Amino acid sequence: MQNILHHLFEYKTLTKPEAETVLVKITEGKYNEAQIIAFLTVFQMRSITVDELSGFRNALLKMGIPIDLSAYNCIDLCGTGGDNKNTFNISTLASFIVAGSGNMVSKHGNYSVSSFCGSSNLIEYLGYQFKDTESELQEDLERSGICFLHAPRFNTAMKNVASIRRNLGIRTFFNMLGPLVNPSQPKNQIVGVYDLELARLYQYVLQETNTRYTIIHNIDGYDEIALTDKVKLISNEREEILSPYDLGFRTLAPEEIYGGESVEEAAKLFVKILKGKGSEAQNSVCIANAGLAIHCLHPEISREDAMDRARVSLESGKALLALNKLVKRTI
């Protein structure tokens, strides 16, 4: 690692194979904690390159446990996190809305690193028991339209950096990798990122795959459609900047999508929204993100129709039903 650190401290970058090799060694426990922290710190001080991000992604996929859900036309809605905005769990809520609309979702998630409640914290609190076999996950998909893949179950090698990430309490390049290493490698993906530079990196990486994707960056720093400002969307076909009005909604104030300060608060709000008791702002931001995912899955329909399908899923209770079927109890 010393040679690698010297190389990086001289403002040099890693090739894709070099990045893959060093991350494999990190996950195998070949380096000590101080060396790993120094390595992570490099990418806090300068931007990661496309080759480095691709190499790190290849390493985690290589070391992880793959899950074959190719028989299903799944989508994942997953943000990088680390935007320090402390919203409620918008992408997870949107995932259940998409499932309630009759589509299949293979949701990749983890415990929170830099906010109060990650998707894994939330879904576990609501009574879901994490699963890691194809048959169990396929059963969840067929019963509820959604399955949940808790990242540590599939990237077991990551245990060597989990405590370091928790202790640092800030986003690292592992936040960047989360949406890229869903073990089921779904055919469709909504990816939220916290800055425009990372959005561009994701575009280059995803162009090398067969994924149908839409990358989201709210220009005021959210890693999802927040409706607080304009949003940059990058998909296979086009790039566009849209206002909340363009999407059919009003502009929201940041405090309208605040997520609380504990897992319990976040879970109560999550269920409240699914039960149709959310505020107009909370409902709007969930529908906007779910609608975009439905449009990604069904480009043949208009974006307005996709938003309508998302709204029906939420307001009819079908999104709540998807949650109840997944956790096997009435919430």
C-alpha atoms as a PDB file:
ATOM      1  CA  MET A   1       0.000   0.000   0.000  1.00  0.00           C
ATOM      2  CA  GLN A   2       2.889   2.392   0.652  1.00  0.00           C
ATOM      3  CA  ASN A   3       3.797   2.447  -3.047  1.00  0.00           C
ATOM      4  CA  ILE A   4       0.187   3.045  -4.005  1.00  0.00           C
ATOM      5  CA  LEU A   5      -0.124   5.922  -1.536  1.00  0.00           C
ATOM      6  CA  HIS A   6       3.112   7.514  -2.759  1.00  0.00           C
ATOM      7  CA  HIS A   7       1.796   7.192  -6.323  1.00  0.00           C
ATOM      8  CA  LEU A   8      -1.482   8.872  -5.378  1.00  0.00           C
ATOM      9  CA  PHE A   9       0.169  11.584  -3.261  1.00  0.00           C
ATOM     10  CA  GLU A  10       2.096  12.581  -6.384  1.00  0.00           C
ATOM     11  CA  TYR A  11      -1.254  13.446  -7.996  1.00  0.00           C
ATOM     12  CA  LYS A  12      -1.214  10.346 -10.179  1.00  0.00           C
ATOM     13  CA  THR A  13      -4.251   8.155 -10.805  1.00  0.00           C
ATOM     14  CA  LEU A  14      -4.908   4.421 -10.910  1.00  0.00           C
ATOM     15  CA  THR A  15      -5.677   2.400 -14.010  1.00  0.00           C
ATOM     16  CA  LYS A  16      -8.817   0.277 -13.996  1.00  0.00           C
ATOM     17  CA  PRO A  17      -6.861  -2.960 -13.217  1.00  0.00           C
ATOM     18  CA  GLU A  18      -4.851  -1.202 -10.487  1.00  0.00           C
ATOM     19  CA  ALA A  19      -8.017   0.135  -8.858  1.00  0.00           C
ATOM     20  CA  GLU A  20      -9.603  -3.306  -8.974  1.00  0.00           C
ATOM     21  CA  THR A  21      -6.550  -4.965  -7.444  1.00  0.00           C
ATOM     22  CA  VAL A  22      -6.158  -2.534  -4.560  1.00  0.00           C
ATOM     23  CA  LEU A  23      -9.826  -2.707  -3.600  1.00  0.00           C
ATOM     24  CA  VAL A  24      -9.780  -6.504  -3.677  1.00  0.00           C
ATOM     25  CA  LYS A  25      -6.824  -6.409  -1.275  1.00  0.00           C
ATOM     26  CA  ILE A  26      -8.624  -3.927   0.984  1.00  0.00           C
ATOM     27  CA  THR A  27     -11.684  -6.189   1.189  1.00  0.00           C
ATOM     28  CA  GLU A  28      -9.420  -9.172   1.854  1.00  0.00           C
ATOM     29  CA  GLY A  29      -7.940  -7.392   4.879  1.00  0.00           C
ATOM     30  CA  LYS A  30      -4.455  -7.050   3.407  1.00  0.00           C
ATOM     31  CA  TYR A  31      -4.019  -3.462   4.688  1.00  0.00           C
ATOM     32  CA  ASN A  32      -4.293  -1.934   8.149  1.00  0.00           C
ATOM     33  CA  GLU A  33      -6.845   0.660   9.211  1.00  0.00           C
ATOM     34  CA  ALA A  34      -4.457   3.629   8.936  1.00  0.00           C
ATOM     35  CA  GLN A  35      -3.536   2.675   5.371  1.00  0.00           C
ATOM     36  CA  ILE A  36      -7.188   2.293   4.377  1.00  0.00           C
ATOM     37  CA  ILE A  37      -8.095   5.680   5.888  1.00  0.00           C
ATOM     38  CA  ALA A  38      -5.201   7.309   4.022  1.00  0.00           C
ATOM     39  CA  PHE A  39      -6.375   5.673   0.804  1.00  0.00           C
ATOM     40  CA  LEU A  40      -9.980   6.823   1.307  1.00  0.00           C
ATOM     41  CA  THR A  41      -8.779  10.327   2.147  1.00  0.00           C
ATOM     42  CA  VAL A  42      -7.088  10.702  -1.237  1.00  0.00           C
ATOM     43  CA  PHE A  43     -10.486  10.600  -2.922  1.00  0.00           C
ATOM     44  CA  GLN A  44     -11.840  13.214  -0.516  1.00  0.00           C
ATOM     45  CA  MET A  45      -9.109  15.572  -1.714  1.00  0.00           C
ATOM     46  CA  ARG A  46      -9.440  14.994  -5.446  1.00  0.00           C
ATOM     47  CA  SER A  47     -11.977  13.656  -7.907  1.00  0.00           C
ATOM     48  CA  ILE A  48     -12.157   9.975  -8.713  1.00  0.00           C
ATOM     49  CA  THR A  49     -11.576   9.040 -12.367  1.00  0.00           C
ATOM     50  CA  VAL A  50     -13.799   6.888 -14.570  1.00  0.00           C
ATOM     51  CA  ASP A  51     -11.158   4.122 -14.625  1.00  0.00           C
ATOM     52  CA  GLU A  52     -10.846   4.179 -10.845  1.00  0.00           C
ATOM     53  CA  LEU A  53     -14.608   4.046 -10.306  1.00  0.00           C
ATOM     54  CA  SER A  54     -14.976   1.243 -12.877  1.00  0.00           C
ATOM     55  CA  GLY A  55     -12.117  -0.694 -11.298  1.00  0.00           C
ATOM     56  CA  PHE A  56     -13.575  -0.354  -7.806  1.00  0.00           C
ATOM     57  CA  ARG A  57     -16.972  -1.459  -9.137  1.00  0.00           C
ATOM     58  CA  ASN A  58     -15.439  -4.510 -10.820  1.00  0.00           C
ATOM     59  CA  ALA A  59     -13.697  -5.457  -7.578  1.00  0.00           C
ATOM     60  CA  LEU A  60     -16.871  -5.369  -5.504  1.00  0.00           C
ATOM     61  CA  LEU A  61     -18.849  -7.313  -8.095  1.00  0.00           C
ATOM     62  CA  LYS A  62     -16.020  -9.856  -8.304  1.00  0.00           C
ATOM     63  CA  MET A  63     -15.882 -10.280  -4.520  1.00  0.00           C
ATOM     64  CA  GLY A  64     -19.656 -10.225  -4.024  1.00  0.00           C
ATOM     65  CA  ILE A  65     -22.317 -12.903  -4.180  1.00  0.00           C
ATOM     66  CA  PRO A  66     -24.338 -12.596  -7.427  1.00  0.00           C
ATOM     67  CA  ILE A  67     -28.112 -13.055  -7.487  1.00  0.00           C
ATOM     68  CA  ASP A  68     -29.859 -14.041 -10.713  1.00  0.00           C
ATOM     69  CA  LEU A  69     -33.158 -12.219 -11.113  1.00  0.00           C
ATOM     70  CA  SER A  70     -32.810 -11.927 -14.883  1.00  0.00           C
ATOM     71  CA  ALA A  71     -36.213 -13.554 -15.412  1.00  0.00           C
ATOM     72  CA  TYR A  72     -37.763 -10.365 -14.034  1.00  0.00           C
ATOM     73  CA  ASN A  73     -37.609  -6.941 -15.619  1.00  0.00           C
ATOM     74  CA  CYS A  74     -36.487  -5.296 -12.381  1.00  0.00           C
ATOM     75  CA  ILE A  75     -35.507  -1.744 -11.586  1.00  0.00           C
ATOM     76  CA  ASP A  76     -33.463  -0.417  -8.681  1.00  0.00           C
ATOM     77  CA  LEU A  77     -33.962   3.040  -7.202  1.00  0.00           C
ATOM     78  CA  CYS A  78     -30.827   3.818  -5.252  1.00  0.00           C
ATOM     79  CA  GLY A  79     -29.023   7.027  -4.414  1.00  0.00           C
ATOM     80  CA  THR A  80     -25.442   7.484  -3.379  1.00  0.00           C
ATOM     81  CA  GLY A  81     -26.429   9.051  -0.070  1.00  0.00           C
ATOM     82  CA  GLY A  82     -24.011  11.452   1.499  1.00  0.00           C
ATOM     83  CA  ASP A  83     -25.868  14.585   0.372  1.00  0.00           C
ATOM     84  CA  ASN A  84     -26.264  15.630   4.035  1.00  0.00           C
ATOM     85  CA  LYS A  85     -29.806  16.834   3.359  1.00  0.00           C
ATOM     86  CA  ASN A  86     -31.525  14.503   5.864  1.00  0.00           C
ATOM     87  CA  THR A  87     -34.644  13.963   3.798  1.00  0.00           C
ATOM     88  CA  PHE A  88     -37.055  11.163   4.585  1.00  0.00           C
ATOM     89  CA  ASN A  89     -36.497   7.878   2.734  1.00  0.00           C
ATOM     90  CA  ILE A  90     -37.729   9.090  -0.637  1.00  0.00           C
ATOM     91  CA  SER A  91     -36.152   6.467  -2.912  1.00  0.00           C
ATOM     92  CA  THR A  92     -37.328   3.610  -0.674  1.00  0.00           C
ATOM     93  CA  LEU A  93     -40.852   5.001  -0.591  1.00  0.00           C
ATOM     94  CA  ALA A  94     -40.748   5.456  -4.355  1.00  0.00           C
ATOM     95  CA  SER A  95     -39.654   1.819  -4.685  1.00  0.00           C
ATOM     96  CA  PHE A  96     -42.849   0.599  -3.012  1.00  0.00           C
ATOM     97  CA  ILE A  97     -44.913   2.943  -5.170  1.00  0.00           C
ATOM     98  CA  VAL A  98     -43.284   1.440  -8.273  1.00  0.00           C
ATOM     99  CA  ALA A  99     -43.975  -2.081  -6.958  1.00  0.00           C
ATOM    100  CA  GLY A 100     -47.576  -1.084  -6.246  1.00  0.00           C
ATOM    101  CA  SER A 101     -47.937   0.047  -9.852  1.00  0.00           C
ATOM    102  CA  GLY A 102     -47.356  -3.528 -11.031  1.00  0.00           C
ATOM    103  CA  ASN A 103     -43.628  -3.369 -11.750  1.00  0.00           C
ATOM    104  CA  MET A 104     -40.737  -5.340 -10.263  1.00  0.00           C
ATOM    105  CA  VAL A 105     -38.165  -3.706  -7.994  1.00  0.00           C
ATOM    106  CA  SER A 106     -34.901  -5.210  -6.737  1.00  0.00           C
ATOM    107  CA  LYS A 107     -33.989  -2.599  -4.129  1.00  0.00           C
ATOM    108  CA  HIS A 108     -30.355  -2.428  -3.056  1.00  0.00           C
ATOM    109  CA  GLY A 109     -29.724  -0.769   0.291  1.00  0.00           C
ATOM    110  CA  ASN A 110     -27.588  -0.453   3.386  1.00  0.00           C
ATOM    111  CA  TYR A 111     -27.472   0.989   6.856  1.00  0.00           C
ATOM    112  CA  SER A 112     -26.971   4.720   7.071  1.00  0.00           C
ATOM    113  CA  VAL A 113     -23.455   6.144   7.080  1.00  0.00           C
ATOM    114  CA  SER A 114     -24.037   9.902   7.064  1.00  0.00           C
ATOM    115  CA  SER A 115     -27.746  10.338   7.893  1.00  0.00           C
ATOM    116  CA  PHE A 116     -30.118   9.138  10.601  1.00  0.00           C
ATOM    117  CA  CYS A 117     -31.836   6.363   8.685  1.00  0.00           C
ATOM    118  CA  GLY A 118     -30.722   4.355   5.677  1.00  0.00           C
ATOM    119  CA  SER A 119     -33.029   2.066   3.715  1.00  0.00           C
ATOM    120  CA  SER A 120     -31.789  -1.003   5.604  1.00  0.00           C
ATOM    121  CA  ASN A 121     -32.357   0.671   8.982  1.00  0.00           C
ATOM    122  CA  LEU A 122     -35.887   1.486   7.906  1.00  0.00           C
ATOM    123  CA  ILE A 123     -36.940  -1.810   6.361  1.00  0.00           C
ATOM    124  CA  GLU A 124     -35.475  -3.775   9.273  1.00  0.00           C
ATOM    125  CA  TYR A 125     -37.287  -1.566  11.785  1.00  0.00           C
ATOM    126  CA  LEU A 126     -40.557  -2.312   9.959  1.00  0.00           C
ATOM    127  CA  GLY A 127     -40.027  -6.029  10.533  1.00  0.00           C
ATOM    128  CA  TYR A 128     -38.332  -7.264   7.383  1.00  0.00           C
ATOM    129  CA  GLN A 129     -35.775 -10.030   7.818  1.00  0.00           C
ATOM    130  CA  PHE A 130     -32.901  -9.720   5.365  1.00  0.00           C
ATOM    131  CA  LYS A 131     -32.591 -12.571   2.873  1.00  0.00           C
ATOM    132  CA  ASP A 132     -29.747 -13.701   0.658  1.00  0.00           C
ATOM    133  CA  THR A 133     -30.891 -16.640  -1.454  1.00  0.00           C
ATOM    134  CA  GLU A 134     -32.300 -16.415  -4.969  1.00  0.00           C
ATOM    135  CA  SER A 135     -35.361 -18.489  -4.105  1.00  0.00           C
ATOM    136  CA  GLU A 136     -36.318 -16.279  -1.157  1.00  0.00           C
ATOM    137  CA  LEU A 137     -35.799 -13.079  -3.124  1.00  0.00           C
ATOM    138  CA  GLN A 138     -37.747 -14.430  -6.097  1.00  0.00           C
ATOM    139  CA  GLU A 139     -40.569 -15.362  -3.721  1.00  0.00           C
ATOM    140  CA  ASP A 140     -40.613 -11.793  -2.379  1.00  0.00           C
ATOM    141  CA  LEU A 141     -40.734 -10.424  -5.922  1.00  0.00           C
ATOM    142  CA  GLU A 142     -43.601 -12.637  -6.973  1.00  0.00           C
ATOM    143  CA  ARG A 143     -45.585 -11.988  -3.803  1.00  0.00           C
ATOM    144  CA  SER A 144     -45.061  -8.250  -3.360  1.00  0.00           C
ATOM    145  CA  GLY A 145     -43.391  -6.918  -6.533  1.00  0.00           C
ATOM    146  CA  ILE A 146     -40.287  -5.935  -4.587  1.00  0.00           C
ATOM    147  CA  CYS A 147     -37.317  -7.621  -2.969  1.00  0.00           C
ATOM    148  CA  PHE A 148     -34.727  -6.003  -0.737  1.00  0.00           C
ATOM    149  CA  LEU A 149     -31.026  -6.777  -1.055  1.00  0.00           C
ATOM    150  CA  HIS A 150     -29.159  -5.696   2.086  1.00  0.00           C
ATOM    151  CA  ALA A 151     -25.691  -4.877   0.782  1.00  0.00           C
ATOM    152  CA  PRO A 152     -23.599  -6.471   3.591  1.00  0.00           C
ATOM    153  CA  ARG A 153     -25.266  -9.842   2.930  1.00  0.00           C
ATOM    154  CA  PHE A 154     -23.838  -9.885  -0.574  1.00  0.00           C
ATOM    155  CA  ASN A 155     -20.622  -7.924  -0.173  1.00  0.00           C
ATOM    156  CA  THR A 156     -19.368  -9.807   2.870  1.00  0.00           C
ATOM    157  CA  ALA A 157     -15.800  -8.749   2.122  1.00  0.00           C
ATOM    158  CA  MET A 158     -16.850  -5.192   2.981  1.00  0.00           C
ATOM    159  CA  LYS A 159     -16.815  -6.065   6.678  1.00  0.00           C
ATOM    160  CA  ASN A 160     -13.151  -5.025   6.707  1.00  0.00           C
ATOM    161  CA  VAL A 161     -14.122  -1.412   5.996  1.00  0.00           C
ATOM    162  CA  ALA A 162     -17.567  -1.198   7.609  1.00  0.00           C
ATOM    163  CA  SER A 163     -16.333   0.015  10.995  1.00  0.00           C
ATOM    164  CA  ILE A 164     -13.947   2.493   9.341  1.00  0.00           C
ATOM    165  CA  ARG A 165     -16.805   3.984   7.323  1.00  0.00           C
ATOM    166  CA  ARG A 166     -18.995   4.235  10.419  1.00  0.00           C
ATOM    167  CA  ASN A 167     -16.257   5.906  12.440  1.00  0.00           C
ATOM    168  CA  LEU A 168     -15.473   8.379   9.662  1.00  0.00           C
ATOM    169  CA  GLY A 169     -19.149   9.292   9.361  1.00  0.00           C
ATOM    170  CA  ILE A 170     -18.622  11.018   6.011  1.00  0.00           C
ATOM    171  CA  ARG A 171     -19.250   9.945   2.462  1.00  0.00           C
ATOM    172  CA  THR A 172     -16.423   8.128   0.706  1.00  0.00           C
ATOM    173  CA  PHE A 173     -16.125   6.553  -2.729  1.00  0.00           C
ATOM    174  CA  PHE A 174     -18.010   3.569  -1.275  1.00  0.00           C
ATOM    175  CA  ASN A 175     -21.099   5.799  -1.323  1.00  0.00           C
ATOM    176  CA  MET A 176     -20.459   6.266  -5.033  1.00  0.00           C
ATOM    177  CA  LEU A 177     -20.260   2.519  -5.556  1.00  0.00           C
ATOM    178  CA  GLY A 178     -23.445   1.452  -3.785  1.00  0.00           C
ATOM    179  CA  PRO A 179     -25.857   2.010  -6.683  1.00  0.00           C
ATOM    180  CA  LEU A 180     -23.426   0.359  -9.126  1.00  0.00           C
ATOM    181  CA  VAL A 181     -23.028  -2.962  -7.321  1.00  0.00           C
ATOM    182  CA  ASN A 182     -26.547  -4.282  -6.860  1.00  0.00           C
ATOM    183  CA  PRO A 183     -25.839  -8.053  -6.763  1.00  0.00           C
ATOM    184  CA  SER A 184     -28.790  -8.748  -9.068  1.00  0.00           C
ATOM    185  CA  GLN A 185     -27.527  -6.240 -11.680  1.00  0.00           C
ATOM    186  CA  PRO A 186     -31.053  -5.161 -12.692  1.00  0.00           C
ATOM    187  CA  LYS A 187     -31.797  -4.270 -16.288  1.00  0.00           C
ATOM    188  CA  ASN A 188     -33.125  -0.846 -15.304  1.00  0.00           C
ATOM    189  CA  GLN A 189     -31.854   1.675 -12.811  1.00  0.00           C
ATOM    190  CA  ILE A 190     -32.597   5.062 -11.290  1.00  0.00           C
ATOM    191  CA  VAL A 191     -29.429   6.488  -9.741  1.00  0.00           C
ATOM    192  CA  GLY A 192     -29.388   9.588  -7.567  1.00  0.00           C
ATOM    193  CA  VAL A 193     -26.085  11.432  -7.128  1.00  0.00           C
ATOM    194  CA  TYR A 194     -25.067  14.374  -4.956  1.00  0.00           C
ATOM    195  CA  ASP A 195     -23.053  16.332  -7.529  1.00  0.00           C
ATOM    196  CA  LEU A 196     -22.931  16.904 -11.254  1.00  0.00           C
ATOM    197  CA  GLU A 197     -19.378  15.649 -11.680  1.00  0.00           C
ATOM    198  CA  LEU A 198     -20.372  12.282 -10.238  1.00  0.00           C
ATOM    199  CA  ALA A 199     -23.422  12.200 -12.501  1.00  0.00           C
ATOM    200  CA  ARG A 200     -21.085  12.408 -15.472  1.00  0.00           C
ATOM    201  CA  LEU A 201     -18.871   9.634 -14.089  1.00  0.00           C
ATOM    202  CA  TYR A 202     -21.911   7.409 -13.628  1.00  0.00           C
ATOM    203  CA  GLN A 203     -22.939   8.077 -17.201  1.00  0.00           C
ATOM    204  CA  TYR A 204     -19.578   6.867 -18.499  1.00  0.00           C
ATOM    205  CA  VAL A 205     -19.633   3.762 -16.287  1.00  0.00           C
ATOM    206  CA  LEU A 206     -23.248   2.833 -17.081  1.00  0.00           C
ATOM    207  CA  GLN A 207     -22.686   3.311 -20.817  1.00  0.00           C
ATOM    208  CA  GLU A 208     -20.428   0.252 -20.612  1.00  0.00           C
ATOM    209  CA  THR A 209     -23.331  -1.897 -19.368  1.00  0.00           C
ATOM    210  CA  ASN A 210     -26.637  -3.018 -20.879  1.00  0.00           C
ATOM    211  CA  THR A 211     -28.577  -1.088 -18.259  1.00  0.00           C
ATOM    212  CA  ARG A 212     -31.436   1.255 -19.061  1.00  0.00           C
ATOM    213  CA  TYR A 213     -30.718   4.124 -16.708  1.00  0.00           C
ATOM    214  CA  THR A 214     -31.705   7.574 -15.568  1.00  0.00           C
ATOM    215  CA  ILE A 215     -29.237   9.505 -13.429  1.00  0.00           C
ATOM    216  CA  ILE A 216     -30.697  12.177 -11.154  1.00  0.00           C
ATOM    217  CA  HIS A 217     -29.026  15.226  -9.661  1.00  0.00           C
ATOM    218  CA  ASN A 218     -31.059  18.002  -8.061  1.00  0.00           C
ATOM    219  CA  ILE A 219     -28.953  21.071  -8.736  1.00  0.00           C
ATOM    220  CA  ASP A 220     -29.102  22.216  -5.105  1.00  0.00           C
ATOM    221  CA  GLY A 221     -27.335  19.011  -4.053  1.00  0.00           C
ATOM    222  CA  TYR A 222     -29.988  16.368  -3.410  1.00  0.00           C
ATOM    223  CA  ASP A 223     -29.384  12.842  -4.739  1.00  0.00           C
ATOM    224  CA  GLU A 224     -33.024  12.511  -5.850  1.00  0.00           C
ATOM    225  CA  ILE A 225     -35.770  14.609  -7.336  1.00  0.00           C
ATOM    226  CA  ALA A 226     -36.401  16.914  -4.376  1.00  0.00           C
ATOM    227  CA  LEU A 227     -38.660  19.435  -6.152  1.00  0.00           C
ATOM    228  CA  THR A 228     -36.746  22.153  -4.287  1.00  0.00           C
ATOM    229  CA  ASP A 229     -35.026  23.346  -7.464  1.00  0.00           C
ATOM    230  CA  LYS A 230     -34.319  22.222 -11.003  1.00  0.00           C
ATOM    231  CA  VAL A 231     -33.132  18.664 -11.586  1.00  0.00           C
ATOM    232  CA  LYS A 232     -30.587  17.355 -14.089  1.00  0.00           C
ATOM    233  CA  LEU A 233     -31.584  14.057 -15.708  1.00  0.00           C
ATOM    234  CA  ILE A 234     -29.188  11.941 -17.774  1.00  0.00           C
ATOM    235  CA  SER A 235     -30.593   8.877 -19.513  1.00  0.00           C
ATOM    236  CA  ASN A 236     -29.588   6.557 -22.352  1.00  0.00           C
ATOM    237  CA  GLU A 237     -31.265   8.857 -24.869  1.00  0.00           C
ATOM    238  CA  ARG A 238     -30.937  12.415 -23.592  1.00  0.00           C
ATOM    239  CA  GLU A 239     -29.908  14.962 -21.013  1.00  0.00           C
ATOM    240  CA  GLU A 240     -32.314  17.555 -19.705  1.00  0.00           C
ATOM    241  CA  ILE A 241     -32.784  20.057 -16.926  1.00  0.00           C
ATOM    242  CA  LEU A 242     -36.346  20.246 -15.629  1.00  0.00           C
ATOM    243  CA  SER A 243     -38.064  22.457 -13.110  1.00  0.00           C
ATOM    244  CA  PRO A 244     -40.629  21.112 -10.635  1.00  0.00           C
ATOM    245  CA  TYR A 245     -43.263  22.789 -12.819  1.00  0.00           C
ATOM    246  CA  ASP A 246     -42.019  20.833 -15.861  1.00  0.00           C
ATOM    247  CA  LEU A 247     -42.701  17.644 -13.896  1.00  0.00           C
ATOM    248  CA  GLY A 248     -46.155  18.810 -12.855  1.00  0.00           C
ATOM    249  CA  PHE A 249     -45.418  19.931  -9.300  1.00  0.00           C
ATOM    250  CA  ARG A 250     -44.804  23.115  -7.338  1.00  0.00           C
ATOM    251  CA  THR A 251     -41.418  24.062  -5.917  1.00  0.00           C
ATOM    252  CA  LEU A 252     -40.938  22.790  -2.365  1.00  0.00           C
ATOM    253  CA  ALA A 253     -39.062  24.255   0.572  1.00  0.00           C
ATOM    254  CA  PRO A 254     -36.319  21.988   2.025  1.00  0.00           C
ATOM    255  CA  GLU A 255     -38.083  21.735   5.389  1.00  0.00           C
ATOM    256  CA  GLU A 256     -41.107  20.163   3.673  1.00  0.00           C
ATOM    257  CA  ILE A 257     -39.124  16.990   2.942  1.00  0.00           C
ATOM    258  CA  TYR A 258     -37.235  16.767   6.230  1.00  0.00           C
ATOM    259  CA  GLY A 259     -36.794  13.219   7.478  1.00  0.00           C
ATOM    260  CA  GLY A 260     -36.593  13.392  11.265  1.00  0.00           C
ATOM    261  CA  GLU A 261     -33.770  12.575  13.641  1.00  0.00           C
ATOM    262  CA  SER A 262     -34.160   8.870  14.409  1.00  0.00           C
ATOM    263  CA  VAL A 263     -35.026   5.599  12.730  1.00  0.00           C
ATOM    264  CA  GLU A 264     -38.299   5.539  14.669  1.00  0.00           C
ATOM    265  CA  GLU A 265     -39.289   8.992  13.376  1.00  0.00           C
ATOM    266  CA  ALA A 266     -38.317   8.042   9.831  1.00  0.00           C
ATOM    267  CA  ALA A 267     -40.337   4.805   9.994  1.00  0.00           C
ATOM    268  CA  LYS A 268     -43.438   6.542  11.345  1.00  0.00           C
ATOM    269  CA  LEU A 269     -43.273   9.108   8.561  1.00  0.00           C
ATOM    270  CA  PHE A 270     -42.667   6.361   5.974  1.00  0.00           C
ATOM    271  CA  VAL A 271     -45.796   4.461   7.019  1.00  0.00           C
ATOM    272  CA  LYS A 272     -47.824   7.653   7.343  1.00  0.00           C
ATOM    273  CA  ILE A 273     -47.102   8.550   3.722  1.00  0.00           C
ATOM    274  CA  LEU A 274     -47.878   5.045   2.452  1.00  0.00           C
ATOM    275  CA  LYS A 275     -51.171   5.146   4.353  1.00  0.00           C
ATOM    276  CA  GLY A 276     -52.165   8.242   2.392  1.00  0.00           C
ATOM    277  CA  LYS A 277     -51.687  10.632   5.305  1.00  0.00           C
ATOM    278  CA  GLY A 278     -48.588  12.388   4.012  1.00  0.00           C
ATOM    279  CA  SER A 279     -48.505  16.081   3.203  1.00  0.00           C
ATOM    280  CA  GLU A 280     -48.977  17.314  -0.335  1.00  0.00           C
ATOM    281  CA  ALA A 281     -45.227  17.998  -0.519  1.00  0.00           C
ATOM    282  CA  GLN A 282     -44.257  14.556   0.773  1.00  0.00           C
ATOM    283  CA  ASN A 283     -46.615  12.837  -1.640  1.00  0.00           C
ATOM    284  CA  SER A 284     -45.398  14.938  -4.553  1.00  0.00           C
ATOM    285  CA  VAL A 285     -41.720  14.150  -4.101  1.00  0.00           C
ATOM    286  CA  CYS A 286     -42.427  10.413  -3.809  1.00  0.00           C
ATOM    287  CA  ILE A 287     -44.651  10.421  -6.889  1.00  0.00           C
ATOM    288  CA  ALA A 288     -42.063  12.380  -8.876  1.00  0.00           C
ATOM    289  CA  ASN A 289     -39.311   9.839  -8.182  1.00  0.00           C
ATOM    290  CA  ALA A 290     -41.553   6.815  -8.649  1.00  0.00           C
ATOM    291  CA  GLY A 291     -43.000   8.263 -11.835  1.00  0.00           C
ATOM    292  CA  LEU A 292     -39.547   8.752 -13.285  1.00  0.00           C
ATOM    293  CA  ALA A 293     -38.741   5.096 -12.495  1.00  0.00           C
ATOM    294  CA  ILE A 294     -41.931   3.907 -14.162  1.00  0.00           C
ATOM    295  CA  HIS A 295     -41.060   5.998 -17.211  1.00  0.00           C
ATOM    296  CA  CYS A 296     -37.575   4.436 -17.265  1.00  0.00           C
ATOM    297  CA  LEU A 297     -39.220   1.002 -17.312  1.00  0.00           C
ATOM    298  CA  HIS A 298     -41.825   2.046 -19.879  1.00  0.00           C
ATOM    299  CA  PRO A 299     -40.328   4.658 -22.217  1.00  0.00           C
ATOM    300  CA  GLU A 300     -43.212   4.057 -24.601  1.00  0.00           C
ATOM    301  CA  ILE A 301     -45.598   5.963 -22.304  1.00  0.00           C
ATOM    302  CA  SER A 302     -45.406   9.673 -21.558  1.00  0.00           C
ATOM    303  CA  ARG A 303     -43.788  10.982 -18.409  1.00  0.00           C
ATOM    304  CA  GLU A 304     -47.166  12.416 -17.395  1.00  0.00           C
ATOM    305  CA  ASP A 305     -48.800   8.980 -17.676  1.00  0.00           C
ATOM    306  CA  ALA A 306     -45.977   7.490 -15.608  1.00  0.00           C
ATOM    307  CA  MET A 307     -46.557  10.101 -12.888  1.00  0.00           C
ATOM    308  CA  ASP A 308     -50.280   9.284 -12.951  1.00  0.00           C
ATOM    309  CA  ARG A 309     -49.532   5.576 -12.473  1.00  0.00           C
ATOM    310  CA  ALA A 310     -47.333   6.423  -9.491  1.00  0.00           C
ATOM    311  CA  ARG A 311     -50.044   8.626  -7.991  1.00  0.00           C
ATOM    312  CA  VAL A 312     -52.658   5.879  -8.361  1.00  0.00           C
ATOM    313  CA  SER A 313     -50.342   3.359  -6.699  1.00  0.00           C
ATOM    314  CA  LEU A 314     -49.855   5.604  -3.671  1.00  0.00           C
ATOM    315  CA  GLU A 315     -53.399   6.938  -3.331  1.00  0.00           C
ATOM    316  CA  SER A 316     -55.111   3.561  -3.897  1.00  0.00           C
ATOM    317  CA  GLY A 317     -53.112   1.849  -1.154  1.00  0.00           C
ATOM    318  CA  LYS A 318     -51.360  -0.521  -3.550  1.00  0.00           C
ATOM    319  CA  ALA A 319     -47.940   0.774  -2.494  1.00  0.00           C
ATOM    320  CA  LEU A 320     -48.821   0.080   1.160  1.00  0.00           C
ATOM    321  CA  LEU A 321     -50.050  -3.373   0.176  1.00  0.00           C
ATOM    322  CA  ALA A 322     -46.659  -4.091  -1.434  1.00  0.00           C
ATOM    323  CA  LEU A 323     -44.974  -3.245   1.889  1.00  0.00           C
ATOM    324  CA  ASN A 324     -47.395  -5.411   3.865  1.00  0.00           C
ATOM    325  CA  LYS A 325     -46.809  -8.340   1.518  1.00  0.00           C
ATOM    326  CA  LEU A 326     -43.049  -7.937   1.788  1.00  0.00           C
ATOM    327  CA  VAL A 327     -42.934  -7.843   5.596  1.00  0.00           C
ATOM    328  CA  LYS A 328     -45.770 -10.388   5.837  1.00  0.00           C
ATOM    329  CA  ARG A 329     -47.859  -8.360   8.248  1.00  0.00           C
ATOM    330  CA  THR A 330     -50.321  -5.498   8.206  1.00  0.00           C
ATOM    331  CA  ILE A 331     -48.704  -2.207   9.105  1.00  0.00           C
END
